[in-house]
Amino acid sequence: MMTQERKDQLYEGMFGWICEHIHDPQDLYITLHKHFGMSKEELHDHCIESLDEFFPEEDAKTRLSQKLKDCFEQYKTEWLRKRPDALIEDAEEIASVQRMFKELPNAVTDEDAAYLLRFKNPLEVASDYWTRMNGSGSVVDDEVTHILWEIRDRQAAEADYEMEPEYYSPIEQKCQSPELSM
């Protein structure tokens, strides 16, 4: 039986050979992505960003859906570390996060998705708004739509939640990373 170490060694060797012998970027994209199924992120893990141009740009809803999945996985990891009594105390928050994870992908418009992508954790933003406005009651699509409108219209969440770096204003960026001078 082949060991994982040997598999890793063969993988690295084959990957290196392919990258060394296929010089045309489009052929390399076809080989690595189309034939072997490597994702854009997996190529980035191997420091191959030069093939990004061949990947179609995903729409905002698709990117938001993936970001929500990533955020939800982080929540689940945190929940698994908690004691049962702490989970009971956090039941309303957990229910809200689960509900928004389930409902948001179907409720967002392209504009909602683009706006929510500005946040490091859009699931936190939406679930906090949901909890403040509704508690752990049942979801009605119109209510989720109202929460999305509320978040976008008031834009107050930008001051309360961590944003992706590209959405900080120049003044905020300067405050976050002060320059040292002598």
N, C-alpha and C. Protein backbone atom coordinates (compact mmCIF):
# COMPACT_ATOMS: atom_id res chain seq x y z
N MET A 1 0.84 -1.18 0.00
CA MET A 1 0.00 0.00 0.00
C MET A 1 0.88 1.25 0.00
N MET A 2 0.52 2.22 -0.82
CA MET A 2 1.28 3.44 -0.94
C MET A 2 1.01 4.36 0.25
N THR A 3 2.06 4.91 0.83
CA THR A 3 1.91 5.80 1.98
C THR A 3 1.51 7.19 1.51
N GLN A 4 0.97 7.97 2.42
CA GLN A 4 0.60 9.35 2.10
C GLN A 4 1.84 10.17 1.73
N GLU A 5 2.94 9.89 2.39
CA GLU A 5 4.19 10.58 2.09
C GLU A 5 4.60 10.33 0.63
N ARG A 6 4.48 9.07 0.20
CA ARG A 6 4.83 8.72 -1.18
C ARG A 6 3.87 9.37 -2.17
N LYS A 7 2.58 9.37 -1.83
CA LYS A 7 1.59 10.04 -2.69
C LYS A 7 1.92 11.53 -2.84
N ASP A 8 2.25 12.16 -1.72
CA ASP A 8 2.61 13.59 -1.76
C ASP A 8 3.85 13.81 -2.62
N GLN A 9 4.82 12.92 -2.49
CA GLN A 9 6.04 13.03 -3.27
C GLN A 9 5.74 12.91 -4.76
N LEU A 10 4.94 11.92 -5.14
CA LEU A 10 4.56 11.75 -6.55
C LEU A 10 3.77 12.95 -7.07
N TYR A 11 2.82 13.44 -6.24
CA TYR A 11 2.01 14.59 -6.63
C TYR A 11 2.91 15.79 -6.91
N GLU A 12 3.81 16.09 -6.00
CA GLU A 12 4.70 17.24 -6.19
C GLU A 12 5.57 17.06 -7.43
N GLY A 13 6.05 15.85 -7.63
CA GLY A 13 6.88 15.58 -8.81
C GLY A 13 6.11 15.76 -10.11
N MET A 14 4.89 15.20 -10.16
CA MET A 14 4.07 15.33 -11.37
C MET A 14 3.66 16.79 -11.61
N PHE A 15 3.28 17.46 -10.54
CA PHE A 15 2.88 18.85 -10.67
C PHE A 15 4.04 19.70 -11.18
N GLY A 16 5.21 19.47 -10.61
CA GLY A 16 6.41 20.21 -11.05
C GLY A 16 6.74 19.93 -12.52
N TRP A 17 6.63 18.66 -12.93
CA TRP A 17 6.92 18.30 -14.31
C TRP A 17 5.95 19.00 -15.26
N ILE A 18 4.66 18.97 -14.93
CA ILE A 18 3.65 19.61 -15.78
C ILE A 18 3.96 21.09 -15.93
N CYS A 19 4.22 21.77 -14.83
CA CYS A 19 4.48 23.22 -14.88
C CYS A 19 5.77 23.53 -15.62
N GLU A 20 6.73 22.64 -15.53
CA GLU A 20 8.02 22.85 -16.19
C GLU A 20 7.95 22.62 -17.70
N HIS A 21 7.08 21.72 -18.14
CA HIS A 21 7.05 21.32 -19.55
C HIS A 21 5.91 21.94 -20.37
N ILE A 22 4.94 22.49 -19.73
CA ILE A 22 3.85 23.14 -20.47
C ILE A 22 4.05 24.65 -20.30
N HIS A 23 4.47 25.29 -21.38
CA HIS A 23 4.83 26.71 -21.31
C HIS A 23 3.70 27.65 -21.70
N ASP A 24 2.79 27.19 -22.51
CA ASP A 24 1.68 28.03 -22.93
C ASP A 24 0.67 28.14 -21.78
N PRO A 25 0.36 29.36 -21.32
CA PRO A 25 -0.55 29.51 -20.17
C PRO A 25 -1.92 28.87 -20.38
N GLN A 26 -2.46 28.99 -21.59
CA GLN A 26 -3.78 28.40 -21.84
C GLN A 26 -3.72 26.87 -21.77
N ASP A 27 -2.66 26.27 -22.31
CA ASP A 27 -2.50 24.83 -22.22
C ASP A 27 -2.33 24.38 -20.77
N LEU A 28 -1.59 25.17 -19.99
CA LEU A 28 -1.40 24.86 -18.58
C LEU A 28 -2.73 24.94 -17.82
N TYR A 29 -3.53 25.95 -18.13
CA TYR A 29 -4.87 26.09 -17.53
C TYR A 29 -5.73 24.88 -17.89
N ILE A 30 -5.73 24.50 -19.16
CA ILE A 30 -6.54 23.35 -19.61
C ILE A 30 -6.08 22.08 -18.90
N THR A 31 -4.78 21.90 -18.78
CA THR A 31 -4.25 20.68 -18.14
C THR A 31 -4.60 20.65 -16.66
N LEU A 32 -4.28 21.73 -15.95
CA LEU A 32 -4.46 21.72 -14.49
C LEU A 32 -5.91 21.87 -14.06
N HIS A 33 -6.65 22.74 -14.74
CA HIS A 33 -8.03 22.99 -14.31
C HIS A 33 -9.03 22.05 -14.99
N LYS A 34 -8.99 22.01 -16.31
CA LYS A 34 -9.98 21.22 -17.05
C LYS A 34 -9.75 19.72 -16.88
N HIS A 35 -8.50 19.28 -17.03
CA HIS A 35 -8.22 17.84 -16.97
C HIS A 35 -8.13 17.31 -15.54
N PHE A 36 -7.43 18.05 -14.66
CA PHE A 36 -7.21 17.56 -13.31
C PHE A 36 -8.15 18.19 -12.28
N GLY A 37 -8.90 19.19 -12.68
CA GLY A 37 -9.91 19.77 -11.79
C GLY A 37 -9.38 20.68 -10.70
N MET A 38 -8.18 21.21 -10.86
CA MET A 38 -7.64 22.11 -9.83
C MET A 38 -8.42 23.42 -9.83
N SER A 39 -8.77 23.86 -8.66
CA SER A 39 -9.50 25.12 -8.53
C SER A 39 -8.52 26.29 -8.57
N LYS A 40 -9.06 27.47 -8.72
CA LYS A 40 -8.26 28.69 -8.71
C LYS A 40 -7.48 28.80 -7.40
N GLU A 41 -8.14 28.48 -6.29
CA GLU A 41 -7.50 28.56 -4.97
C GLU A 41 -6.37 27.54 -4.84
N GLU A 42 -6.57 26.34 -5.38
CA GLU A 42 -5.52 25.32 -5.33
C GLU A 42 -4.31 25.75 -6.16
N LEU A 43 -4.56 26.38 -7.28
CA LEU A 43 -3.45 26.90 -8.09
C LEU A 43 -2.72 28.00 -7.32
N HIS A 44 -3.47 28.84 -6.61
CA HIS A 44 -2.84 29.89 -5.80
C HIS A 44 -1.99 29.28 -4.70
N ASP A 45 -2.44 28.15 -4.14
CA ASP A 45 -1.65 27.46 -3.11
C ASP A 45 -0.27 27.06 -3.65
N HIS A 46 -0.18 26.86 -4.97
CA HIS A 46 1.09 26.51 -5.61
C HIS A 46 1.73 27.74 -6.26
N CYS A 47 1.29 28.92 -5.84
CA CYS A 47 1.85 30.20 -6.33
C CYS A 47 1.67 30.39 -7.83
N ILE A 48 0.56 29.90 -8.36
CA ILE A 48 0.27 30.09 -9.78
C ILE A 48 -0.94 31.01 -9.89
N GLU A 49 -0.67 32.31 -9.90
CA GLU A 49 -1.73 33.30 -10.08
C GLU A 49 -1.85 33.74 -11.53
N SER A 50 -0.88 33.37 -12.34
CA SER A 50 -0.85 33.82 -13.73
C SER A 50 -1.98 33.24 -14.57
N LEU A 51 -2.69 32.23 -14.06
CA LEU A 51 -3.78 31.63 -14.83
C LEU A 51 -5.15 32.21 -14.46
N ASP A 52 -5.17 33.19 -13.57
CA ASP A 52 -6.43 33.79 -13.12
C ASP A 52 -7.28 34.30 -14.28
N GLU A 53 -6.63 34.82 -15.29
CA GLU A 53 -7.36 35.40 -16.42
C GLU A 53 -8.24 34.38 -17.15
N PHE A 54 -7.92 33.11 -17.02
CA PHE A 54 -8.68 32.07 -17.72
C PHE A 54 -9.93 31.63 -16.95
N PHE A 55 -10.00 31.97 -15.67
CA PHE A 55 -11.17 31.60 -14.87
C PHE A 55 -12.25 32.65 -15.07
N PRO A 56 -13.48 32.23 -15.33
CA PRO A 56 -14.55 33.21 -15.46
C PRO A 56 -14.81 33.88 -14.11
N GLU A 57 -15.12 35.15 -14.14
CA GLU A 57 -15.42 35.89 -12.91
C GLU A 57 -16.76 35.41 -12.36
N GLU A 58 -16.76 35.05 -11.09
CA GLU A 58 -18.01 34.61 -10.46
C GLU A 58 -18.86 35.82 -10.11
N ASP A 59 -20.17 35.64 -10.19
CA ASP A 59 -21.05 36.74 -9.84
C ASP A 59 -21.09 36.92 -8.32
N ALA A 60 -21.62 38.03 -7.88
CA ALA A 60 -21.64 38.40 -6.47
C ALA A 60 -22.40 37.37 -5.63
N LYS A 61 -23.51 36.85 -6.14
CA LYS A 61 -24.29 35.88 -5.39
C LYS A 61 -23.49 34.60 -5.14
N THR A 62 -22.76 34.15 -6.13
CA THR A 62 -21.95 32.94 -5.99
C THR A 62 -20.82 33.16 -4.99
N ARG A 63 -20.17 34.32 -5.08
CA ARG A 63 -19.08 34.63 -4.14
C ARG A 63 -19.63 34.76 -2.72
N LEU A 64 -20.81 35.38 -2.58
CA LEU A 64 -21.41 35.52 -1.25
C LEU A 64 -21.77 34.15 -0.69
N SER A 65 -22.33 33.30 -1.51
CA SER A 65 -22.71 31.97 -1.06
C SER A 65 -21.48 31.22 -0.53
N GLN A 66 -20.36 31.32 -1.22
CA GLN A 66 -19.13 30.66 -0.76
C GLN A 66 -18.64 31.30 0.53
N LYS A 67 -18.71 32.61 0.61
CA LYS A 67 -18.26 33.30 1.82
C LYS A 67 -19.14 32.92 3.02
N LEU A 68 -20.45 32.80 2.79
CA LEU A 68 -21.36 32.37 3.85
C LEU A 68 -21.00 30.96 4.33
N LYS A 69 -20.67 30.08 3.39
CA LYS A 69 -20.26 28.71 3.77
C LYS A 69 -19.01 28.75 4.63
N ASP A 70 -18.04 29.56 4.23
CA ASP A 70 -16.80 29.67 5.00
C ASP A 70 -17.06 30.21 6.40
N CYS A 71 -17.90 31.24 6.49
CA CYS A 71 -18.24 31.83 7.79
C CYS A 71 -18.99 30.82 8.66
N PHE A 72 -19.90 30.08 8.05
CA PHE A 72 -20.68 29.10 8.80
C PHE A 72 -19.77 28.00 9.35
N GLU A 73 -18.79 27.59 8.57
CA GLU A 73 -17.82 26.59 9.04
C GLU A 73 -17.05 27.12 10.24
N GLN A 74 -16.71 28.40 10.23
CA GLN A 74 -16.02 29.00 11.38
C GLN A 74 -16.91 28.97 12.61
N TYR A 75 -18.18 29.31 12.42
CA TYR A 75 -19.12 29.25 13.54
C TYR A 75 -19.20 27.82 14.10
N LYS A 76 -19.34 26.84 13.21
CA LYS A 76 -19.47 25.46 13.66
C LYS A 76 -18.23 25.02 14.45
N THR A 77 -17.07 25.44 14.00
CA THR A 77 -15.84 25.11 14.71
C THR A 77 -15.86 25.70 16.12
N GLU A 78 -16.30 26.97 16.22
CA GLU A 78 -16.41 27.61 17.53
C GLU A 78 -17.43 26.90 18.41
N TRP A 79 -18.56 26.53 17.85
CA TRP A 79 -19.61 25.86 18.63
C TRP A 79 -19.13 24.52 19.17
N LEU A 80 -18.36 23.79 18.38
CA LEU A 80 -17.87 22.49 18.80
C LEU A 80 -16.91 22.59 19.99
N ARG A 81 -16.31 23.74 20.18
CA ARG A 81 -15.38 23.95 21.28
C ARG A 81 -16.09 24.34 22.58
N LYS A 82 -17.34 24.69 22.49
CA LYS A 82 -18.07 25.19 23.66
C LYS A 82 -18.64 24.06 24.50
N ARG A 83 -18.81 24.36 25.77
CA ARG A 83 -19.46 23.43 26.68
C ARG A 83 -20.96 23.47 26.42
N PRO A 84 -21.67 22.39 26.76
CA PRO A 84 -23.12 22.34 26.52
C PRO A 84 -23.90 23.50 27.16
N ASP A 85 -23.53 23.90 28.38
CA ASP A 85 -24.26 25.00 29.02
C ASP A 85 -24.06 26.32 28.27
N ALA A 86 -22.87 26.52 27.69
CA ALA A 86 -22.62 27.72 26.90
C ALA A 86 -23.43 27.68 25.60
N LEU A 87 -23.55 26.50 25.00
CA LEU A 87 -24.36 26.35 23.79
C LEU A 87 -25.82 26.68 24.06
N ILE A 88 -26.30 26.25 25.22
CA ILE A 88 -27.69 26.54 25.58
C ILE A 88 -27.89 28.04 25.72
N GLU A 89 -26.94 28.70 26.36
CA GLU A 89 -27.02 30.16 26.49
C GLU A 89 -27.01 30.87 25.14
N ASP A 90 -26.29 30.29 24.19
CA ASP A 90 -26.14 30.90 22.86
C ASP A 90 -27.16 30.39 21.85
N ALA A 91 -28.18 29.68 22.32
CA ALA A 91 -29.14 29.03 21.41
C ALA A 91 -29.78 30.01 20.44
N GLU A 92 -30.15 31.20 20.90
CA GLU A 92 -30.81 32.16 20.00
C GLU A 92 -29.84 32.62 18.90
N GLU A 93 -28.60 32.89 19.29
CA GLU A 93 -27.59 33.29 18.30
C GLU A 93 -27.35 32.16 17.30
N ILE A 94 -27.23 30.94 17.79
CA ILE A 94 -26.98 29.79 16.92
C ILE A 94 -28.14 29.60 15.94
N ALA A 95 -29.36 29.71 16.46
CA ALA A 95 -30.54 29.57 15.59
C ALA A 95 -30.56 30.66 14.53
N SER A 96 -30.21 31.87 14.91
CA SER A 96 -30.20 32.99 13.97
C SER A 96 -29.14 32.79 12.89
N VAL A 97 -27.95 32.37 13.28
CA VAL A 97 -26.87 32.13 12.31
C VAL A 97 -27.29 31.02 11.34
N GLN A 98 -27.84 29.94 11.88
CA GLN A 98 -28.27 28.84 11.01
C GLN A 98 -29.37 29.29 10.06
N ARG A 99 -30.30 30.06 10.56
CA ARG A 99 -31.43 30.53 9.74
C ARG A 99 -30.93 31.43 8.61
N MET A 100 -30.05 32.37 8.94
CA MET A 100 -29.54 33.28 7.91
C MET A 100 -28.66 32.53 6.91
N PHE A 101 -27.90 31.55 7.38
CA PHE A 101 -27.09 30.74 6.46
C PHE A 101 -27.99 30.04 5.45
N LYS A 102 -29.11 29.56 5.92
CA LYS A 102 -30.04 28.84 5.05
C LYS A 102 -30.81 29.78 4.12
N GLU A 103 -31.26 30.92 4.64
CA GLU A 103 -32.17 31.80 3.89
C GLU A 103 -31.49 32.83 2.99
N LEU A 104 -30.33 33.35 3.42
CA LEU A 104 -29.70 34.45 2.66
C LEU A 104 -29.42 34.13 1.20
N PRO A 105 -28.82 32.99 0.88
CA PRO A 105 -28.50 32.74 -0.53
C PRO A 105 -29.70 32.85 -1.47
N ASN A 106 -30.89 32.50 -0.98
CA ASN A 106 -32.09 32.58 -1.82
C ASN A 106 -32.76 33.94 -1.78
N ALA A 107 -32.46 34.73 -0.77
CA ALA A 107 -33.16 36.00 -0.59
C ALA A 107 -32.42 37.20 -1.18
N VAL A 108 -31.10 37.09 -1.35
CA VAL A 108 -30.32 38.26 -1.77
C VAL A 108 -30.49 38.58 -3.25
N THR A 109 -30.46 39.86 -3.53
CA THR A 109 -30.37 40.33 -4.92
C THR A 109 -28.88 40.46 -5.24
N ASP A 110 -28.55 40.74 -6.48
CA ASP A 110 -27.15 40.97 -6.84
C ASP A 110 -26.57 42.14 -6.05
N GLU A 111 -27.38 43.19 -5.87
CA GLU A 111 -26.93 44.37 -5.13
C GLU A 111 -26.71 44.04 -3.65
N ASP A 112 -27.62 43.26 -3.06
CA ASP A 112 -27.46 42.84 -1.67
C ASP A 112 -26.18 42.04 -1.51
N ALA A 113 -25.96 41.10 -2.42
CA ALA A 113 -24.78 40.24 -2.35
C ALA A 113 -23.50 41.07 -2.45
N ALA A 114 -23.47 41.99 -3.40
CA ALA A 114 -22.28 42.83 -3.57
C ALA A 114 -22.02 43.65 -2.31
N TYR A 115 -23.08 44.16 -1.70
CA TYR A 115 -22.91 44.95 -0.48
C TYR A 115 -22.42 44.07 0.68
N LEU A 116 -23.02 42.90 0.87
CA LEU A 116 -22.64 42.03 1.98
C LEU A 116 -21.21 41.50 1.83
N LEU A 117 -20.72 41.40 0.61
CA LEU A 117 -19.35 40.94 0.39
C LEU A 117 -18.32 41.92 0.96
N ARG A 118 -18.75 43.12 1.27
CA ARG A 118 -17.84 44.12 1.85
C ARG A 118 -17.42 43.74 3.26
N PHE A 119 -18.21 42.89 3.92
CA PHE A 119 -17.96 42.54 5.31
C PHE A 119 -17.12 41.27 5.42
N LYS A 120 -16.24 41.24 6.43
CA LYS A 120 -15.46 40.03 6.69
C LYS A 120 -16.38 38.85 6.97
N ASN A 121 -17.46 39.11 7.73
CA ASN A 121 -18.39 38.04 8.08
C ASN A 121 -19.83 38.51 7.84
N PRO A 122 -20.30 38.42 6.60
CA PRO A 122 -21.66 38.88 6.31
C PRO A 122 -22.73 38.06 7.04
N LEU A 123 -22.40 36.84 7.40
CA LEU A 123 -23.35 36.01 8.14
C LEU A 123 -23.59 36.58 9.53
N GLU A 124 -22.54 37.09 10.14
CA GLU A 124 -22.66 37.73 11.46
C GLU A 124 -23.54 38.98 11.36
N VAL A 125 -23.31 39.78 10.35
CA VAL A 125 -24.08 41.02 10.18
C VAL A 125 -25.56 40.70 10.04
N ALA A 126 -25.89 39.80 9.13
CA ALA A 126 -27.30 39.47 8.87
C ALA A 126 -27.95 38.80 10.08
N SER A 127 -27.24 37.87 10.72
CA SER A 127 -27.86 37.17 11.85
C SER A 127 -28.04 38.10 13.05
N ASP A 128 -27.11 39.02 13.26
CA ASP A 128 -27.29 40.01 14.34
C ASP A 128 -28.50 40.90 14.07
N TYR A 129 -28.65 41.35 12.83
CA TYR A 129 -29.82 42.17 12.48
C TYR A 129 -31.10 41.36 12.66
N TRP A 130 -31.06 40.10 12.24
CA TRP A 130 -32.23 39.24 12.37
C TRP A 130 -32.62 39.12 13.85
N THR A 131 -31.64 38.85 14.70
CA THR A 131 -31.91 38.68 16.13
C THR A 131 -32.49 39.96 16.73
N ARG A 132 -31.91 41.09 16.38
CA ARG A 132 -32.42 42.37 16.92
C ARG A 132 -33.84 42.66 16.47
N MET A 133 -34.15 42.30 15.22
CA MET A 133 -35.46 42.66 14.68
C MET A 133 -36.53 41.61 14.97
N ASN A 134 -36.16 40.33 15.02
CA ASN A 134 -37.16 39.27 15.07
C ASN A 134 -36.99 38.24 16.17
N GLY A 135 -35.82 38.16 16.77
CA GLY A 135 -35.59 37.06 17.70
C GLY A 135 -35.48 35.77 16.91
N SER A 136 -35.87 34.69 17.51
CA SER A 136 -35.71 33.40 16.84
C SER A 136 -37.02 32.90 16.25
N GLY A 137 -37.89 33.82 15.84
CA GLY A 137 -39.16 33.45 15.22
C GLY A 137 -38.96 32.84 13.86
N SER A 138 -40.05 32.49 13.21
CA SER A 138 -39.94 31.83 11.91
C SER A 138 -39.58 32.82 10.81
N VAL A 139 -38.94 32.30 9.78
CA VAL A 139 -38.49 33.14 8.67
C VAL A 139 -39.60 33.28 7.64
N VAL A 140 -39.82 34.50 7.26
CA VAL A 140 -40.68 34.79 6.13
C VAL A 140 -39.80 35.55 5.15
N ASP A 141 -39.80 35.16 3.89
CA ASP A 141 -38.88 35.76 2.93
C ASP A 141 -38.95 37.28 2.95
N ASP A 142 -40.15 37.83 3.10
CA ASP A 142 -40.27 39.29 3.13
C ASP A 142 -39.49 39.89 4.28
N GLU A 143 -39.45 39.17 5.42
CA GLU A 143 -38.71 39.66 6.57
C GLU A 143 -37.21 39.65 6.29
N VAL A 144 -36.70 38.61 5.64
CA VAL A 144 -35.29 38.56 5.29
C VAL A 144 -34.99 39.68 4.30
N THR A 145 -35.87 39.88 3.35
CA THR A 145 -35.70 40.96 2.39
C THR A 145 -35.68 42.31 3.10
N HIS A 146 -36.52 42.46 4.11
CA HIS A 146 -36.54 43.70 4.88
C HIS A 146 -35.22 43.90 5.64
N ILE A 147 -34.69 42.83 6.20
CA ILE A 147 -33.40 42.93 6.89
C ILE A 147 -32.31 43.34 5.91
N LEU A 148 -32.29 42.75 4.74
CA LEU A 148 -31.29 43.11 3.74
C LEU A 148 -31.43 44.57 3.34
N TRP A 149 -32.66 45.02 3.18
CA TRP A 149 -32.88 46.43 2.84
C TRP A 149 -32.36 47.31 3.98
N GLU A 150 -32.66 46.91 5.20
CA GLU A 150 -32.25 47.68 6.38
C GLU A 150 -30.73 47.81 6.44
N ILE A 151 -30.03 46.71 6.22
CA ILE A 151 -28.57 46.71 6.26
C ILE A 151 -28.00 47.62 5.18
N ARG A 152 -28.51 47.50 3.96
CA ARG A 152 -27.98 48.31 2.84
C ARG A 152 -28.39 49.76 2.95
N ASP A 153 -29.65 50.01 3.32
CA ASP A 153 -30.16 51.38 3.33
C ASP A 153 -29.45 52.24 4.38
N ARG A 154 -29.35 51.75 5.58
CA ARG A 154 -28.77 52.54 6.66
C ARG A 154 -27.25 52.52 6.67
N GLN A 155 -26.67 51.45 6.18
CA GLN A 155 -25.22 51.27 6.13
C GLN A 155 -24.55 51.50 7.48
N ALA A 156 -25.31 51.35 8.55
CA ALA A 156 -24.76 51.53 9.89
C ALA A 156 -23.85 50.37 10.27
N ALA A 157 -24.04 49.22 9.65
CA ALA A 157 -23.24 48.05 9.98
C ALA A 157 -21.76 48.27 9.66
N GLU A 158 -21.48 49.17 8.75
CA GLU A 158 -20.09 49.43 8.37
C GLU A 158 -19.27 49.94 9.54
N ALA A 159 -19.91 50.62 10.47
CA ALA A 159 -19.20 51.12 11.64
C ALA A 159 -19.10 50.07 12.74
N ASP A 160 -19.98 49.06 12.70
CA ASP A 160 -20.06 48.09 13.79
C ASP A 160 -19.38 46.75 13.50
N TYR A 161 -19.10 46.46 12.24
CA TYR A 161 -18.56 45.15 11.87
C TYR A 161 -17.29 45.32 11.05
N GLU A 162 -16.44 44.29 11.12
CA GLU A 162 -15.19 44.34 10.38
C GLU A 162 -15.45 44.22 8.89
N MET A 163 -14.82 45.11 8.15
CA MET A 163 -14.96 45.15 6.70
C MET A 163 -13.75 44.48 6.05
N GLU A 164 -13.92 44.09 4.81
CA GLU A 164 -12.78 43.61 4.02
C GLU A 164 -11.85 44.81 3.82
N PRO A 165 -10.55 44.59 3.76
CA PRO A 165 -9.58 45.70 3.69
C PRO A 165 -9.84 46.69 2.56
N GLU A 166 -10.28 46.22 1.41
CA GLU A 166 -10.47 47.14 0.28
C GLU A 166 -11.63 48.12 0.48
N TYR A 167 -12.43 47.92 1.53
CA TYR A 167 -13.57 48.80 1.76
C TYR A 167 -13.36 49.80 2.89
N TYR A 168 -12.17 49.79 3.51
CA TYR A 168 -11.87 50.81 4.51
C TYR A 168 -11.54 52.11 3.80
N SER A 169 -11.93 53.21 4.38
CA SER A 169 -11.57 54.50 3.79
C SER A 169 -10.09 54.75 4.05
N PRO A 170 -9.44 55.63 3.26
CA PRO A 170 -8.02 55.91 3.44
C PRO A 170 -7.69 56.37 4.86
N ILE A 171 -8.57 57.13 5.49
CA ILE A 171 -8.34 57.60 6.85
C ILE A 171 -8.33 56.41 7.81
N GLU A 172 -9.29 55.50 7.68
CA GLU A 172 -9.34 54.32 8.54
C GLU A 172 -8.11 53.45 8.33
N GLN A 173 -7.67 53.31 7.08
CA GLN A 173 -6.49 52.48 6.80
C GLN A 173 -5.26 53.09 7.45
N LYS A 174 -5.15 54.42 7.41
CA LYS A 174 -4.01 55.08 8.01
C LYS A 174 -4.00 54.85 9.52
N CYS A 175 -5.16 54.89 10.13
CA CYS A 175 -5.27 54.68 11.57
C CYS A 175 -4.95 53.23 11.94
N GLN A 176 -5.25 52.32 11.07
CA GLN A 176 -5.02 50.91 11.37
C GLN A 176 -3.56 50.51 11.25
N SER A 177 -2.84 51.12 10.35
CA SER A 177 -1.45 50.74 10.16
C SER A 177 -0.57 52.01 10.18
N PRO A 178 -0.32 52.50 11.38
CA PRO A 178 0.47 53.75 11.47
C PRO A 178 1.89 53.51 10.97
N GLU A 179 2.43 54.54 10.34
CA GLU A 179 3.80 54.46 9.85
C GLU A 179 4.74 54.86 10.97
N LEU A 180 5.83 54.15 11.06
CA LEU A 180 6.83 54.48 12.06
C LEU A 180 7.84 55.43 11.45
N SER A 181 8.18 56.44 12.18
CA SER A 181 9.19 57.37 11.69
C SER A 181 10.21 57.61 12.79
N MET A 182 11.41 57.92 12.39
CA MET A 182 12.48 58.14 13.37
C MET A 182 12.96 59.54 13.29
